[in-house]
């Protein structure tokens, strides 16, 4: 069914079209998370295998700056209150801060082993996943940890409900999704993922807050009720999923997979409808959708597809 549907969709206009490629010269190894600095209009790319972070001007399609000597940078974010780039490093577990304009170092926090993904928290805070199982809330202006919560396994993607502060956390090693209260340092709910395994990417959908989660075993994408964790819809997907984004303007989901594809799906009530599979490159498993720019940026590591690059995909009108 999926193959027939995707073949048919090729005859219609593609939902994503490659607009340009931004070369990342001298970048080797795995590329991890991406972030967008809206104030300076910069795309930030954590180059884990290269020990560097590139700053890209997406309008001009050029690299405008680089931070070298980072120990396995994984998570990256822009903190507006501090006008700082914040990098979570898996090598030494430190959270490093750099001036967003000059890239000068501002300081660091010794967080814990395997500092990883970073998300925006309430009131300008940042939330970082790290270690064998923990989340930390960070005040980026003061550069200090304000709260932590312990988890039973290393957190992958997590999303925060801005209205309630509840944090939904993918824990693939534990085979579950946890709901955490960061301020109280407690776990509110535990949702086993049942027959689905390796839940890595997550998106929180508007307007009802339903969670979309990508699973690797088997390769599926599912919708979960954010009230009780009940699976309300699922569909087959590309393999080795690692990032997932909602295009609210079009009511679409973009699932990015290391198998070399982006799956485009539409939510239709309590159903997921696969629309197209867009080819990228092997290992291109991380990306960022920036609604302000209406573009999907896909990180392609150096390899069979050539040198490392960012492929800029433009959604159909």
C-alpha atoms as a PDB file:
ATOM      1  CA  UNK A   1       0.000   0.000   0.000  1.00  0.00           C
ATOM      2  CA  UNK A   2       2.736   2.459   0.964  1.00  0.00           C
ATOM      3  CA  UNK A   3       4.744   1.683  -2.175  1.00  0.00           C
ATOM      4  CA  UNK A   4       1.694   2.203  -4.396  1.00  0.00           C
ATOM      5  CA  UNK A   5       0.829   5.455  -2.667  1.00  0.00           C
ATOM      6  CA  UNK A   6       4.360   6.824  -2.934  1.00  0.00           C
ATOM      7  CA  UNK A   7       4.642   5.853  -6.561  1.00  0.00           C
ATOM      8  CA  UNK A   8       1.411   7.642  -7.301  1.00  0.00           C
ATOM      9  CA  UNK A   9       2.541  10.733  -5.432  1.00  0.00           C
ATOM     10  CA  UNK A  10       5.583  11.027  -7.712  1.00  0.00           C
ATOM     11  CA  UNK A  11       3.219  12.019 -10.522  1.00  0.00           C
ATOM     12  CA  UNK A  12       1.980  14.992  -8.509  1.00  0.00           C
ATOM     13  CA  UNK A  13       3.980  17.970  -7.351  1.00  0.00           C
ATOM     14  CA  UNK A  14       6.568  16.960  -4.752  1.00  0.00           C
ATOM     15  CA  UNK A  15       5.832  18.355  -1.280  1.00  0.00           C
ATOM     16  CA  UNK A  16       9.540  19.207  -0.839  1.00  0.00           C
ATOM     17  CA  UNK A  17      11.916  20.475  -3.520  1.00  0.00           C
ATOM     18  CA  UNK A  18      15.667  20.932  -3.126  1.00  0.00           C
ATOM     19  CA  UNK A  19      16.408  24.629  -3.442  1.00  0.00           C
ATOM     20  CA  UNK A  20      20.157  24.749  -2.878  1.00  0.00           C
ATOM     21  CA  UNK A  21      23.126  23.033  -1.245  1.00  0.00           C
ATOM     22  CA  UNK A  22      25.415  24.720   1.281  1.00  0.00           C
ATOM     23  CA  UNK A  23      28.852  23.109   1.269  1.00  0.00           C
ATOM     24  CA  UNK A  24      30.548  22.407   4.602  1.00  0.00           C
ATOM     25  CA  UNK A  25      34.225  22.211   3.611  1.00  0.00           C
ATOM     26  CA  UNK A  26      36.599  20.169   5.768  1.00  0.00           C
ATOM     27  CA  UNK A  27      33.796  18.587   7.817  1.00  0.00           C
ATOM     28  CA  UNK A  28      34.181  14.861   8.415  1.00  0.00           C
ATOM     29  CA  UNK A  29      32.179  12.394  10.478  1.00  0.00           C
ATOM     30  CA  UNK A  30      28.725  12.558  11.978  1.00  0.00           C
ATOM     31  CA  UNK A  31      26.697  15.778  12.012  1.00  0.00           C
ATOM     32  CA  UNK A  32      24.374  16.050  14.977  1.00  0.00           C
ATOM     33  CA  UNK A  33      21.739  18.618  16.000  1.00  0.00           C
ATOM     34  CA  UNK A  34      20.960  21.913  14.259  1.00  0.00           C
ATOM     35  CA  UNK A  35      19.462  25.136  15.644  1.00  0.00           C
ATOM     36  CA  UNK A  36      18.375  28.519  14.326  1.00  0.00           C
ATOM     37  CA  UNK A  37      19.458  31.903  15.684  1.00  0.00           C
ATOM     38  CA  UNK A  38      16.563  34.151  14.620  1.00  0.00           C
ATOM     39  CA  UNK A  39      18.201  37.345  15.864  1.00  0.00           C
ATOM     40  CA  UNK A  40      21.298  37.014  13.684  1.00  0.00           C
ATOM     41  CA  UNK A  41      19.587  34.821  11.082  1.00  0.00           C
ATOM     42  CA  UNK A  42      22.141  32.059  11.412  1.00  0.00           C
ATOM     43  CA  UNK A  43      21.842  28.301  11.130  1.00  0.00           C
ATOM     44  CA  UNK A  44      23.975  26.517  13.756  1.00  0.00           C
ATOM     45  CA  UNK A  45      25.359  23.052  12.996  1.00  0.00           C
ATOM     46  CA  UNK A  46      26.919  20.752  15.614  1.00  0.00           C
ATOM     47  CA  UNK A  47      29.527  18.647  13.804  1.00  0.00           C
ATOM     48  CA  UNK A  48      30.091  15.868  16.315  1.00  0.00           C
ATOM     49  CA  UNK A  49      32.623  13.818  14.371  1.00  0.00           C
ATOM     50  CA  UNK A  50      34.591  16.902  13.361  1.00  0.00           C
ATOM     51  CA  UNK A  51      34.717  18.547  16.802  1.00  0.00           C
ATOM     52  CA  UNK A  52      33.363  21.795  15.393  1.00  0.00           C
ATOM     53  CA  UNK A  53      30.310  24.017  15.015  1.00  0.00           C
ATOM     54  CA  UNK A  54      29.593  25.851  11.776  1.00  0.00           C
ATOM     55  CA  UNK A  55      27.564  29.056  11.520  1.00  0.00           C
ATOM     56  CA  UNK A  56      25.697  29.342   8.215  1.00  0.00           C
ATOM     57  CA  UNK A  57      23.940  32.293   6.630  1.00  0.00           C
ATOM     58  CA  UNK A  58      20.964  30.460   5.063  1.00  0.00           C
ATOM     59  CA  UNK A  59      20.030  33.465   2.907  1.00  0.00           C
ATOM     60  CA  UNK A  60      23.417  33.635   1.206  1.00  0.00           C
ATOM     61  CA  UNK A  61      24.113  29.929   1.484  1.00  0.00           C
ATOM     62  CA  UNK A  62      27.573  30.391   2.982  1.00  0.00           C
ATOM     63  CA  UNK A  63      29.496  29.436   6.107  1.00  0.00           C
ATOM     64  CA  UNK A  64      30.209  32.655   8.011  1.00  0.00           C
ATOM     65  CA  UNK A  65      31.988  31.319  11.089  1.00  0.00           C
ATOM     66  CA  UNK A  66      33.296  28.240  12.873  1.00  0.00           C
ATOM     67  CA  UNK A  67      34.089  27.140  16.405  1.00  0.00           C
ATOM     68  CA  UNK A  68      36.775  24.419  16.515  1.00  0.00           C
ATOM     69  CA  UNK A  69      38.160  22.233  19.268  1.00  0.00           C
ATOM     70  CA  UNK A  70      34.840  21.060  20.696  1.00  0.00           C
ATOM     71  CA  UNK A  71      34.767  17.587  22.328  1.00  0.00           C
ATOM     72  CA  UNK A  72      32.019  15.799  20.375  1.00  0.00           C
ATOM     73  CA  UNK A  73      29.450  18.618  20.099  1.00  0.00           C
ATOM     74  CA  UNK A  74      25.918  17.205  19.990  1.00  0.00           C
ATOM     75  CA  UNK A  75      23.189  19.630  21.078  1.00  0.00           C
ATOM     76  CA  UNK A  76      23.101  23.298  20.082  1.00  0.00           C
ATOM     77  CA  UNK A  77      20.745  26.184  20.814  1.00  0.00           C
ATOM     78  CA  UNK A  78      20.548  29.957  20.637  1.00  0.00           C
ATOM     79  CA  UNK A  79      19.756  31.637  23.966  1.00  0.00           C
ATOM     80  CA  UNK A  80      18.168  35.003  23.209  1.00  0.00           C
ATOM     81  CA  UNK A  81      18.377  36.329  26.798  1.00  0.00           C
ATOM     82  CA  UNK A  82      22.143  35.881  26.790  1.00  0.00           C
ATOM     83  CA  UNK A  83      22.661  36.416  23.027  1.00  0.00           C
ATOM     84  CA  UNK A  84      24.674  33.217  23.174  1.00  0.00           C
ATOM     85  CA  UNK A  85      25.226  30.017  21.249  1.00  0.00           C
ATOM     86  CA  UNK A  86      25.025  27.093  23.656  1.00  0.00           C
ATOM     87  CA  UNK A  87      26.718  23.805  22.772  1.00  0.00           C
ATOM     88  CA  UNK A  88      26.269  20.494  24.639  1.00  0.00           C
ATOM     89  CA  UNK A  89      29.372  18.322  24.319  1.00  0.00           C
ATOM     90  CA  UNK A  90      29.246  14.560  24.550  1.00  0.00           C
ATOM     91  CA  UNK A  91      32.998  14.209  24.987  1.00  0.00           C
ATOM     92  CA  UNK A  92      33.379  15.912  28.367  1.00  0.00           C
ATOM     93  CA  UNK A  93      29.751  16.589  29.336  1.00  0.00           C
ATOM     94  CA  UNK A  94      30.248  20.360  29.374  1.00  0.00           C
ATOM     95  CA  UNK A  95      27.745  22.964  28.252  1.00  0.00           C
ATOM     96  CA  UNK A  96      29.740  25.715  26.502  1.00  0.00           C
ATOM     97  CA  UNK A  97      28.553  29.283  25.836  1.00  0.00           C
ATOM     98  CA  UNK A  98      29.757  31.529  23.003  1.00  0.00           C
ATOM     99  CA  UNK A  99      28.834  35.082  22.022  1.00  0.00           C
ATOM    100  CA  UNK A 100      26.447  34.717  19.096  1.00  0.00           C
ATOM    101  CA  UNK A 101      28.002  37.594  17.128  1.00  0.00           C
ATOM    102  CA  UNK A 102      31.748  37.223  17.750  1.00  0.00           C
ATOM    103  CA  UNK A 103      31.821  33.506  18.688  1.00  0.00           C
ATOM    104  CA  UNK A 104      34.017  34.432  21.649  1.00  0.00           C
ATOM    105  CA  UNK A 105      33.782  31.987  24.590  1.00  0.00           C
ATOM    106  CA  UNK A 106      31.633  33.166  27.505  1.00  0.00           C
ATOM    107  CA  UNK A 107      31.993  30.276  29.939  1.00  0.00           C
ATOM    108  CA  UNK A 108      30.808  26.743  30.562  1.00  0.00           C
ATOM    109  CA  UNK A 109      28.918  24.461  32.917  1.00  0.00           C
ATOM    110  CA  UNK A 110      30.234  21.008  33.882  1.00  0.00           C
ATOM    111  CA  UNK A 111      26.933  19.233  33.350  1.00  0.00           C
ATOM    112  CA  UNK A 112      27.559  15.497  33.125  1.00  0.00           C
ATOM    113  CA  UNK A 113      28.584  12.723  30.750  1.00  0.00           C
ATOM    114  CA  UNK A 114      27.158  12.638  27.220  1.00  0.00           C
ATOM    115  CA  UNK A 115      25.533  16.097  27.210  1.00  0.00           C
ATOM    116  CA  UNK A 116      23.173  15.853  24.265  1.00  0.00           C
ATOM    117  CA  UNK A 117      19.983  17.471  22.974  1.00  0.00           C
ATOM    118  CA  UNK A 118      18.909  21.009  23.991  1.00  0.00           C
ATOM    119  CA  UNK A 119      15.350  22.394  23.904  1.00  0.00           C
ATOM    120  CA  UNK A 120      13.830  25.741  24.801  1.00  0.00           C
ATOM    121  CA  UNK A 121      12.181  25.701  28.221  1.00  0.00           C
ATOM    122  CA  UNK A 122       9.810  28.110  29.977  1.00  0.00           C
ATOM    123  CA  UNK A 123      10.734  31.776  30.544  1.00  0.00           C
ATOM    124  CA  UNK A 124      13.834  31.723  28.360  1.00  0.00           C
ATOM    125  CA  UNK A 125      15.420  28.719  30.061  1.00  0.00           C
ATOM    126  CA  UNK A 126      17.065  25.818  28.254  1.00  0.00           C
ATOM    127  CA  UNK A 127      16.618  22.123  28.974  1.00  0.00           C
ATOM    128  CA  UNK A 128      19.462  19.676  28.292  1.00  0.00           C
ATOM    129  CA  UNK A 129      19.470  15.880  28.268  1.00  0.00           C
ATOM    130  CA  UNK A 130      22.600  14.125  29.506  1.00  0.00           C
ATOM    131  CA  UNK A 131      24.223  11.169  31.236  1.00  0.00           C
ATOM    132  CA  UNK A 132      22.734   7.760  31.905  1.00  0.00           C
ATOM    133  CA  UNK A 133      19.426   9.523  32.500  1.00  0.00           C
ATOM    134  CA  UNK A 134      18.802  13.151  33.424  1.00  0.00           C
ATOM    135  CA  UNK A 135      17.405  16.487  32.284  1.00  0.00           C
ATOM    136  CA  UNK A 136      18.723  19.833  33.504  1.00  0.00           C
ATOM    137  CA  UNK A 137      17.026  23.227  33.352  1.00  0.00           C
ATOM    138  CA  UNK A 138      19.549  25.971  32.608  1.00  0.00           C
ATOM    139  CA  UNK A 139      19.468  29.735  33.155  1.00  0.00           C
ATOM    140  CA  UNK A 140      21.584  30.796  30.138  1.00  0.00           C
ATOM    141  CA  UNK A 141      22.145  34.380  31.329  1.00  0.00           C
ATOM    142  CA  UNK A 142      23.496  33.291  34.723  1.00  0.00           C
ATOM    143  CA  UNK A 143      25.006  30.105  33.236  1.00  0.00           C
ATOM    144  CA  UNK A 144      23.779  27.874  36.031  1.00  0.00           C
ATOM    145  CA  UNK A 145      21.611  24.799  36.552  1.00  0.00           C
ATOM    146  CA  UNK A 146      18.295  25.682  38.216  1.00  0.00           C
ATOM    147  CA  UNK A 147      16.628  22.252  38.359  1.00  0.00           C
ATOM    148  CA  UNK A 148      17.206  18.616  37.425  1.00  0.00           C
ATOM    149  CA  UNK A 149      15.147  15.462  37.099  1.00  0.00           C
ATOM    150  CA  UNK A 150      16.508  11.897  37.111  1.00  0.00           C
ATOM    151  CA  UNK A 151      15.458   9.434  34.399  1.00  0.00           C
ATOM    152  CA  UNK A 152      15.967   5.670  34.069  1.00  0.00           C
ATOM    153  CA  UNK A 153      17.895   5.926  30.762  1.00  0.00           C
ATOM    154  CA  UNK A 154      19.609   8.434  28.481  1.00  0.00           C
ATOM    155  CA  UNK A 155      17.030  10.859  27.035  1.00  0.00           C
ATOM    156  CA  UNK A 156      16.738  11.319  23.315  1.00  0.00           C
ATOM    157  CA  UNK A 157      14.218  13.813  21.884  1.00  0.00           C
ATOM    158  CA  UNK A 158      11.991  15.634  24.365  1.00  0.00           C
ATOM    159  CA  UNK A 159       9.319  18.296  24.041  1.00  0.00           C
ATOM    160  CA  UNK A 160       7.924  20.763  26.582  1.00  0.00           C
ATOM    161  CA  UNK A 161       4.311  21.846  26.965  1.00  0.00           C
ATOM    162  CA  UNK A 162       4.628  25.637  27.444  1.00  0.00           C
ATOM    163  CA  UNK A 163       1.241  25.864  29.168  1.00  0.00           C
ATOM    164  CA  UNK A 164       1.878  23.241  31.866  1.00  0.00           C
ATOM    165  CA  UNK A 165       5.640  22.771  31.869  1.00  0.00           C
ATOM    166  CA  UNK A 166       5.203  19.023  31.402  1.00  0.00           C
ATOM    167  CA  UNK A 167       8.152  17.522  29.526  1.00  0.00           C
ATOM    168  CA  UNK A 168       7.657  14.464  27.310  1.00  0.00           C
ATOM    169  CA  UNK A 169      10.856  12.417  27.001  1.00  0.00           C
ATOM    170  CA  UNK A 170      11.806   9.606  24.622  1.00  0.00           C
ATOM    171  CA  UNK A 171      13.742   6.874  26.480  1.00  0.00           C
ATOM    172  CA  UNK A 172      14.539   4.242  23.828  1.00  0.00           C
ATOM    173  CA  UNK A 173      16.826   2.199  26.095  1.00  0.00           C
ATOM    174  CA  UNK A 174      13.957   1.842  28.583  1.00  0.00           C
ATOM    175  CA  UNK A 175      11.301   1.277  25.889  1.00  0.00           C
ATOM    176  CA  UNK A 176       9.057   4.054  27.133  1.00  0.00           C
ATOM    177  CA  UNK A 177       8.079   7.735  27.117  1.00  0.00           C
ATOM    178  CA  UNK A 178       8.244   9.542  30.448  1.00  0.00           C
ATOM    179  CA  UNK A 179       6.341  12.674  31.418  1.00  0.00           C
ATOM    180  CA  UNK A 180       8.448  14.808  33.763  1.00  0.00           C
ATOM    181  CA  UNK A 181       7.904  17.866  35.931  1.00  0.00           C
ATOM    182  CA  UNK A 182      11.230  19.676  35.763  1.00  0.00           C
ATOM    183  CA  UNK A 183      10.554  22.226  38.468  1.00  0.00           C
ATOM    184  CA  UNK A 184       9.573  19.542  40.987  1.00  0.00           C
ATOM    185  CA  UNK A 185      12.180  17.069  39.768  1.00  0.00           C
ATOM    186  CA  UNK A 186       9.627  14.288  39.464  1.00  0.00           C
ATOM    187  CA  UNK A 187       8.173  11.808  36.965  1.00  0.00           C
ATOM    188  CA  UNK A 188       4.423  12.270  36.457  1.00  0.00           C
ATOM    189  CA  UNK A 189       3.707   9.348  34.134  1.00  0.00           C
ATOM    190  CA  UNK A 190       5.350   6.396  32.401  1.00  0.00           C
ATOM    191  CA  UNK A 191       4.127   5.222  28.988  1.00  0.00           C
ATOM    192  CA  UNK A 192       5.570   1.911  27.687  1.00  0.00           C
ATOM    193  CA  UNK A 193       5.898   1.906  23.908  1.00  0.00           C
ATOM    194  CA  UNK A 194       4.581  -1.680  23.719  1.00  0.00           C
ATOM    195  CA  UNK A 195       5.539  -3.392  20.436  1.00  0.00           C
ATOM    196  CA  UNK A 196       7.337  -0.327  19.067  1.00  0.00           C
ATOM    197  CA  UNK A 197      11.038   0.122  19.889  1.00  0.00           C
ATOM    198  CA  UNK A 198      13.836   2.691  19.578  1.00  0.00           C
ATOM    199  CA  UNK A 199      11.764   5.853  19.904  1.00  0.00           C
ATOM    200  CA  UNK A 200      14.210   8.599  18.953  1.00  0.00           C
ATOM    201  CA  UNK A 201      12.542  11.625  17.250  1.00  0.00           C
ATOM    202  CA  UNK A 202       9.521  13.468  18.646  1.00  0.00           C
ATOM    203  CA  UNK A 203       7.317  16.423  17.711  1.00  0.00           C
ATOM    204  CA  UNK A 204       4.472  18.025  19.639  1.00  0.00           C
ATOM    205  CA  UNK A 205       1.601  18.892  17.308  1.00  0.00           C
ATOM    206  CA  UNK A 206      -0.661  21.919  17.441  1.00  0.00           C
ATOM    207  CA  UNK A 207      -3.337  22.673  18.448  1.00  0.00           C
ATOM    208  CA  UNK A 208      -4.154  19.684  20.660  1.00  0.00           C
ATOM    209  CA  UNK A 209      -0.634  18.785  21.781  1.00  0.00           C
ATOM    210  CA  UNK A 210      -0.675  15.257  20.344  1.00  0.00           C
ATOM    211  CA  UNK A 211       2.816  13.714  20.246  1.00  0.00           C
ATOM    212  CA  UNK A 212       4.288  12.383  17.008  1.00  0.00           C
ATOM    213  CA  UNK A 213       7.101   9.869  17.586  1.00  0.00           C
ATOM    214  CA  UNK A 214       9.380   8.025  15.175  1.00  0.00           C
ATOM    215  CA  UNK A 215      10.338   4.416  15.961  1.00  0.00           C
ATOM    216  CA  UNK A 216      13.181   2.442  14.398  1.00  0.00           C
ATOM    217  CA  UNK A 217      12.035  -1.116  15.247  1.00  0.00           C
ATOM    218  CA  UNK A 218       9.890  -1.553  13.308  1.00  0.00           C
ATOM    219  CA  UNK A 219      10.233   1.579  11.175  1.00  0.00           C
ATOM    220  CA  UNK A 220       7.042   3.414  12.091  1.00  0.00           C
ATOM    221  CA  UNK A 221       5.746   6.830  13.014  1.00  0.00           C
ATOM    222  CA  UNK A 222       2.949   7.068  15.573  1.00  0.00           C
ATOM    223  CA  UNK A 223       0.653   9.620  17.172  1.00  0.00           C
ATOM    224  CA  UNK A 224       0.244   9.465  20.958  1.00  0.00           C
ATOM    225  CA  UNK A 225      -2.448  11.098  23.052  1.00  0.00           C
ATOM    226  CA  UNK A 226      -0.575  13.579  25.260  1.00  0.00           C
ATOM    227  CA  UNK A 227      -3.026  12.953  28.106  1.00  0.00           C
ATOM    228  CA  UNK A 228      -2.418   9.232  28.588  1.00  0.00           C
ATOM    229  CA  UNK A 229       0.171   8.041  26.040  1.00  0.00           C
ATOM    230  CA  UNK A 230      -2.369   5.975  24.108  1.00  0.00           C
ATOM    231  CA  UNK A 231      -1.325   5.300  20.490  1.00  0.00           C
ATOM    232  CA  UNK A 232      -4.054   6.757  18.300  1.00  0.00           C
ATOM    233  CA  UNK A 233      -2.488   6.304  14.843  1.00  0.00           C
ATOM    234  CA  UNK A 234       0.587   4.819  13.197  1.00  0.00           C
ATOM    235  CA  UNK A 235       2.059   4.372   9.735  1.00  0.00           C
ATOM    236  CA  UNK A 236       5.128   2.734   8.152  1.00  0.00           C
ATOM    237  CA  UNK A 237       8.154   4.978   7.689  1.00  0.00           C
ATOM    238  CA  UNK A 238      11.672   5.209   6.336  1.00  0.00           C
ATOM    239  CA  UNK A 239      14.421   3.481   8.357  1.00  0.00           C
ATOM    240  CA  UNK A 240      16.738   4.927  11.033  1.00  0.00           C
ATOM    241  CA  UNK A 241      14.559   7.950  11.860  1.00  0.00           C
ATOM    242  CA  UNK A 242      16.280  10.629  13.927  1.00  0.00           C
ATOM    243  CA  UNK A 243      14.396  13.930  13.516  1.00  0.00           C
ATOM    244  CA  UNK A 244      10.728  14.848  13.181  1.00  0.00           C
ATOM    245  CA  UNK A 245       9.057  18.207  12.588  1.00  0.00           C
ATOM    246  CA  UNK A 246       5.590  19.625  12.121  1.00  0.00           C
ATOM    247  CA  UNK A 247       4.869  22.025   9.272  1.00  0.00           C
ATOM    248  CA  UNK A 248       1.833  23.691  10.878  1.00  0.00           C
ATOM    249  CA  UNK A 249       1.102  25.885   7.883  1.00  0.00           C
ATOM    250  CA  UNK A 250       0.465  22.842   5.688  1.00  0.00           C
ATOM    251  CA  UNK A 251      -0.541  20.296   8.319  1.00  0.00           C
ATOM    252  CA  UNK A 252       2.379  18.038   7.418  1.00  0.00           C
ATOM    253  CA  UNK A 253       5.016  16.003   9.238  1.00  0.00           C
ATOM    254  CA  UNK A 254       8.612  15.659   8.013  1.00  0.00           C
ATOM    255  CA  UNK A 255      10.401  12.528   9.288  1.00  0.00           C
ATOM    256  CA  UNK A 256      14.155  12.494   8.570  1.00  0.00           C
ATOM    257  CA  UNK A 257      15.858   9.113   8.257  1.00  0.00           C
ATOM    258  CA  UNK A 258      19.462   7.946   8.088  1.00  0.00           C
ATOM    259  CA  UNK A 259      18.472   5.499   5.357  1.00  0.00           C
ATOM    260  CA  UNK A 260      18.594   8.531   3.066  1.00  0.00           C
ATOM    261  CA  UNK A 261      15.065   9.869   2.925  1.00  0.00           C
ATOM    262  CA  UNK A 262      12.547  12.323   4.287  1.00  0.00           C
ATOM    263  CA  UNK A 263       9.048  10.927   4.706  1.00  0.00           C
ATOM    264  CA  UNK A 264       6.234  13.451   4.324  1.00  0.00           C
ATOM    265  CA  UNK A 265       2.981  12.579   6.110  1.00  0.00           C
ATOM    266  CA  UNK A 266      -0.321  14.319   6.720  1.00  0.00           C
ATOM    267  CA  UNK A 267      -2.401  13.969   9.854  1.00  0.00           C
ATOM    268  CA  UNK A 268      -6.004  13.342   8.949  1.00  0.00           C
ATOM    269  CA  UNK A 269      -7.942  13.342  12.229  1.00  0.00           C
ATOM    270  CA  UNK A 270      -6.862  10.187  14.024  1.00  0.00           C
ATOM    271  CA  UNK A 271      -5.016   8.816  11.001  1.00  0.00           C
ATOM    272  CA  UNK A 272      -1.564   9.315   9.461  1.00  0.00           C
ATOM    273  CA  UNK A 273      -1.410   9.462   5.663  1.00  0.00           C
ATOM    274  CA  UNK A 274       2.020   8.985   3.999  1.00  0.00           C
ATOM    275  CA  UNK A 275       2.325  11.369   1.044  1.00  0.00           C
ATOM    276  CA  UNK A 276       5.842  11.061  -0.330  1.00  0.00           C
ATOM    277  CA  UNK A 277       9.365   9.817   0.307  1.00  0.00           C
ATOM    278  CA  UNK A 278      12.002  12.369  -0.691  1.00  0.00           C
ATOM    279  CA  UNK A 279      15.484  10.960  -1.354  1.00  0.00           C
ATOM    280  CA  UNK A 280      18.403  12.675   0.421  1.00  0.00           C
ATOM    281  CA  UNK A 281      21.674  10.788   1.090  1.00  0.00           C
ATOM    282  CA  UNK A 282      22.851   7.876   3.261  1.00  0.00           C
ATOM    283  CA  UNK A 283      23.491   9.005   6.826  1.00  0.00           C
ATOM    284  CA  UNK A 284      21.493  12.240   6.430  1.00  0.00           C
ATOM    285  CA  UNK A 285      19.550  11.642   9.640  1.00  0.00           C
ATOM    286  CA  UNK A 286      19.505  15.096  11.286  1.00  0.00           C
ATOM    287  CA  UNK A 287      17.685  18.202  10.126  1.00  0.00           C
ATOM    288  CA  UNK A 288      15.823  21.329  11.200  1.00  0.00           C
ATOM    289  CA  UNK A 289      12.580  22.824   9.959  1.00  0.00           C
ATOM    290  CA  UNK A 290      12.548  26.612  10.465  1.00  0.00           C
ATOM    291  CA  UNK A 291       8.993  27.989  10.142  1.00  0.00           C
ATOM    292  CA  UNK A 292      10.244  31.603   9.950  1.00  0.00           C
ATOM    293  CA  UNK A 293      12.174  30.717   6.800  1.00  0.00           C
ATOM    294  CA  UNK A 294       9.722  28.045   5.602  1.00  0.00           C
ATOM    295  CA  UNK A 295      12.616  25.708   4.858  1.00  0.00           C
ATOM    296  CA  UNK A 296      13.794  22.244   5.896  1.00  0.00           C
ATOM    297  CA  UNK A 297      17.569  22.011   6.352  1.00  0.00           C
ATOM    298  CA  UNK A 298      18.965  18.464   6.062  1.00  0.00           C
ATOM    299  CA  UNK A 299      22.537  17.714   7.198  1.00  0.00           C
ATOM    300  CA  UNK A 300      24.414  15.395   4.825  1.00  0.00           C
ATOM    301  CA  UNK A 301      27.691  13.934   6.163  1.00  0.00           C
ATOM    302  CA  UNK A 302      30.721  13.474   3.924  1.00  0.00           C
ATOM    303  CA  UNK A 303      30.671  10.138   2.137  1.00  0.00           C
ATOM    304  CA  UNK A 304      29.315   8.568  -1.015  1.00  0.00           C
ATOM    305  CA  UNK A 305      27.266  11.701  -1.741  1.00  0.00           C
ATOM    306  CA  UNK A 306      30.415  13.865  -1.719  1.00  0.00           C
ATOM    307  CA  UNK A 307      31.530  16.458   0.814  1.00  0.00           C
ATOM    308  CA  UNK A 308      29.455  17.359   3.840  1.00  0.00           C
ATOM    309  CA  UNK A 309      26.660  19.799   3.137  1.00  0.00           C
ATOM    310  CA  UNK A 310      23.329  21.228   4.172  1.00  0.00           C
ATOM    311  CA  UNK A 311      20.578  20.548   1.670  1.00  0.00           C
ATOM    312  CA  UNK A 312      17.885  23.223   1.730  1.00  0.00           C
ATOM    313  CA  UNK A 313      14.430  21.856   0.913  1.00  0.00           C
ATOM    314  CA  UNK A 314      11.562  24.188   0.073  1.00  0.00           C
ATOM    315  CA  UNK A 315       7.997  23.043   0.814  1.00  0.00           C
ATOM    316  CA  UNK A 316       5.433  23.302  -1.951  1.00  0.00           C
ATOM    317  CA  UNK A 317       3.139  26.350  -1.603  1.00  0.00           C
END
